[in-house]
């Protein structure tokens, strides 16, 4: 997560979230949970990040109601995470026709 100045490791998959982009494209968002193993999150203005802070699930729900969240399915992914609806990383496996 170079935009935040940290090194993170993915530990679980929270979910697979299909959506239609603003351009009408069908997209699958994969959301991971993990932990920071090095560094502290910082606002990197050159990457367009003005501030870094934590929000409670309740605060995120308020932002969602106000239509202030960036990206679709963010609230759903957070609710799934806090409900412990996660999957092991090895649920995604490479396939080969060889």
C-alpha atoms as a PDB file:
ATOM      1  CA  UNK A   1       0.000   0.000   0.000  1.00  0.00           C
ATOM      2  CA  UNK A   2       2.535   2.480  -1.178  1.00  0.00           C
ATOM      3  CA  UNK A   3      -0.041   5.292  -1.284  1.00  0.00           C
ATOM      4  CA  UNK A   4      -0.183   5.207   2.530  1.00  0.00           C
ATOM      5  CA  UNK A   5       3.480   4.495   3.230  1.00  0.00           C
ATOM      6  CA  UNK A   6       2.895   1.059   4.753  1.00  0.00           C
ATOM      7  CA  UNK A   7       3.612  -2.582   4.001  1.00  0.00           C
ATOM      8  CA  UNK A   8       0.561  -4.777   4.551  1.00  0.00           C
ATOM      9  CA  UNK A   9      -0.141  -8.482   4.283  1.00  0.00           C
ATOM     10  CA  UNK A  10      -3.478  -9.927   3.134  1.00  0.00           C
ATOM     11  CA  UNK A  11      -4.844 -12.503   5.569  1.00  0.00           C
ATOM     12  CA  UNK A  12      -8.405 -13.270   4.451  1.00  0.00           C
ATOM     13  CA  UNK A  13     -10.811 -12.505   1.625  1.00  0.00           C
ATOM     14  CA  UNK A  14     -13.826 -10.559   2.822  1.00  0.00           C
ATOM     15  CA  UNK A  15     -15.847 -10.987  -0.333  1.00  0.00           C
ATOM     16  CA  UNK A  16     -16.399 -10.734  -4.051  1.00  0.00           C
ATOM     17  CA  UNK A  17     -18.602  -7.809  -5.001  1.00  0.00           C
ATOM     18  CA  UNK A  18     -19.948  -7.379  -8.546  1.00  0.00           C
ATOM     19  CA  UNK A  19     -20.819  -3.878  -9.668  1.00  0.00           C
ATOM     20  CA  UNK A  20     -21.398  -1.785 -12.756  1.00  0.00           C
ATOM     21  CA  UNK A  21     -18.925   1.072 -13.174  1.00  0.00           C
ATOM     22  CA  UNK A  22     -19.914   4.627 -14.051  1.00  0.00           C
ATOM     23  CA  UNK A  23     -19.023   3.782 -17.644  1.00  0.00           C
ATOM     24  CA  UNK A  24     -21.350   0.778 -17.692  1.00  0.00           C
ATOM     25  CA  UNK A  25     -18.625  -1.862 -17.382  1.00  0.00           C
ATOM     26  CA  UNK A  26     -19.197  -4.943 -15.251  1.00  0.00           C
ATOM     27  CA  UNK A  27     -16.517  -5.201 -12.581  1.00  0.00           C
ATOM     28  CA  UNK A  28     -15.761  -7.668  -9.773  1.00  0.00           C
ATOM     29  CA  UNK A  29     -14.246  -6.089  -6.677  1.00  0.00           C
ATOM     30  CA  UNK A  30     -12.319  -8.456  -4.393  1.00  0.00           C
ATOM     31  CA  UNK A  31     -11.919  -7.124  -0.843  1.00  0.00           C
ATOM     32  CA  UNK A  32      -9.179  -8.463   1.427  1.00  0.00           C
ATOM     33  CA  UNK A  33      -8.612  -8.059   5.144  1.00  0.00           C
ATOM     34  CA  UNK A  34      -5.110  -7.936   6.508  1.00  0.00           C
ATOM     35  CA  UNK A  35      -2.726  -6.128   8.769  1.00  0.00           C
ATOM     36  CA  UNK A  36       0.019  -3.583   8.551  1.00  0.00           C
ATOM     37  CA  UNK A  37       3.425  -5.159   9.119  1.00  0.00           C
ATOM     38  CA  UNK A  38       5.601  -2.106   8.545  1.00  0.00           C
ATOM     39  CA  UNK A  39       5.128   1.663   8.722  1.00  0.00           C
ATOM     40  CA  UNK A  40       2.366   3.984   9.846  1.00  0.00           C
ATOM     41  CA  UNK A  41      -0.368   5.290   7.527  1.00  0.00           C
ATOM     42  CA  UNK A  42       0.360   8.821   6.335  1.00  0.00           C
ATOM     43  CA  UNK A  43      -1.427  11.237   4.025  1.00  0.00           C
ATOM     44  CA  UNK A  44       0.521  11.311   0.765  1.00  0.00           C
ATOM     45  CA  UNK A  45      -0.656  14.423  -1.030  1.00  0.00           C
ATOM     46  CA  UNK A  46       1.280  13.543  -4.184  1.00  0.00           C
ATOM     47  CA  UNK A  47      -0.967  10.451  -4.425  1.00  0.00           C
ATOM     48  CA  UNK A  48      -4.112  12.554  -3.882  1.00  0.00           C
ATOM     49  CA  UNK A  49      -4.586  11.500  -0.251  1.00  0.00           C
ATOM     50  CA  UNK A  50      -5.362  14.486   1.961  1.00  0.00           C
ATOM     51  CA  UNK A  51      -6.009  12.732   5.268  1.00  0.00           C
ATOM     52  CA  UNK A  52      -5.776   9.308   6.928  1.00  0.00           C
ATOM     53  CA  UNK A  53      -7.948   8.355   9.877  1.00  0.00           C
ATOM     54  CA  UNK A  54     -10.058   5.542  11.276  1.00  0.00           C
ATOM     55  CA  UNK A  55     -13.853   5.472  11.226  1.00  0.00           C
ATOM     56  CA  UNK A  56     -16.252   3.335  13.233  1.00  0.00           C
ATOM     57  CA  UNK A  57     -18.757   1.206  11.364  1.00  0.00           C
ATOM     58  CA  UNK A  58     -21.478   3.584  12.557  1.00  0.00           C
ATOM     59  CA  UNK A  59     -19.620   6.565  11.106  1.00  0.00           C
ATOM     60  CA  UNK A  60     -19.241   4.754   7.787  1.00  0.00           C
ATOM     61  CA  UNK A  61     -22.983   4.043   7.759  1.00  0.00           C
ATOM     62  CA  UNK A  62     -23.653   7.774   8.175  1.00  0.00           C
ATOM     63  CA  UNK A  63     -21.251   8.583   5.322  1.00  0.00           C
ATOM     64  CA  UNK A  64     -23.029   6.013   3.162  1.00  0.00           C
ATOM     65  CA  UNK A  65     -26.442   7.558   3.877  1.00  0.00           C
ATOM     66  CA  UNK A  66     -25.035  10.953   2.879  1.00  0.00           C
ATOM     67  CA  UNK A  67     -23.623   9.414  -0.326  1.00  0.00           C
ATOM     68  CA  UNK A  68     -20.124  10.469   0.774  1.00  0.00           C
ATOM     69  CA  UNK A  69     -18.393   7.106   0.362  1.00  0.00           C
ATOM     70  CA  UNK A  70     -16.083   6.645  -2.569  1.00  0.00           C
ATOM     71  CA  UNK A  71     -16.632   3.365  -4.351  1.00  0.00           C
ATOM     72  CA  UNK A  72     -19.535   0.981  -4.435  1.00  0.00           C
ATOM     73  CA  UNK A  73     -19.940  -1.865  -1.940  1.00  0.00           C
ATOM     74  CA  UNK A  74     -17.631  -0.336   0.692  1.00  0.00           C
ATOM     75  CA  UNK A  75     -20.253  -0.460   3.438  1.00  0.00           C
ATOM     76  CA  UNK A  76     -21.297  -3.999   2.473  1.00  0.00           C
ATOM     77  CA  UNK A  77     -17.671  -5.181   2.648  1.00  0.00           C
ATOM     78  CA  UNK A  78     -17.177  -3.599   6.080  1.00  0.00           C
ATOM     79  CA  UNK A  79     -20.390  -5.141   7.402  1.00  0.00           C
ATOM     80  CA  UNK A  80     -19.291  -8.535   6.070  1.00  0.00           C
ATOM     81  CA  UNK A  81     -15.887  -8.128   7.735  1.00  0.00           C
ATOM     82  CA  UNK A  82     -17.363  -7.235  11.133  1.00  0.00           C
ATOM     83  CA  UNK A  83     -19.824 -10.144  10.801  1.00  0.00           C
ATOM     84  CA  UNK A  84     -16.742 -12.363  10.264  1.00  0.00           C
ATOM     85  CA  UNK A  85     -17.926 -13.398   6.822  1.00  0.00           C
ATOM     86  CA  UNK A  86     -14.495 -14.065   5.389  1.00  0.00           C
ATOM     87  CA  UNK A  87     -12.799 -16.753   3.333  1.00  0.00           C
ATOM     88  CA  UNK A  88      -9.286 -18.207   3.325  1.00  0.00           C
ATOM     89  CA  UNK A  89      -6.897 -16.763   0.734  1.00  0.00           C
ATOM     90  CA  UNK A  90      -6.480 -20.134  -0.946  1.00  0.00           C
ATOM     91  CA  UNK A  91     -10.075 -20.009  -2.149  1.00  0.00           C
ATOM     92  CA  UNK A  92      -8.524 -18.279  -5.180  1.00  0.00           C
ATOM     93  CA  UNK A  93      -6.232 -20.629  -7.006  1.00  0.00           C
ATOM     94  CA  UNK A  94      -4.504 -20.235 -10.337  1.00  0.00           C
ATOM     95  CA  UNK A  95      -5.645 -22.579 -13.042  1.00  0.00           C
ATOM     96  CA  UNK A  96      -3.701 -23.761 -16.032  1.00  0.00           C
ATOM     97  CA  UNK A  97      -4.600 -25.611 -19.192  1.00  0.00           C
ATOM     98  CA  UNK A  98      -1.140 -27.223 -19.293  1.00  0.00           C
END
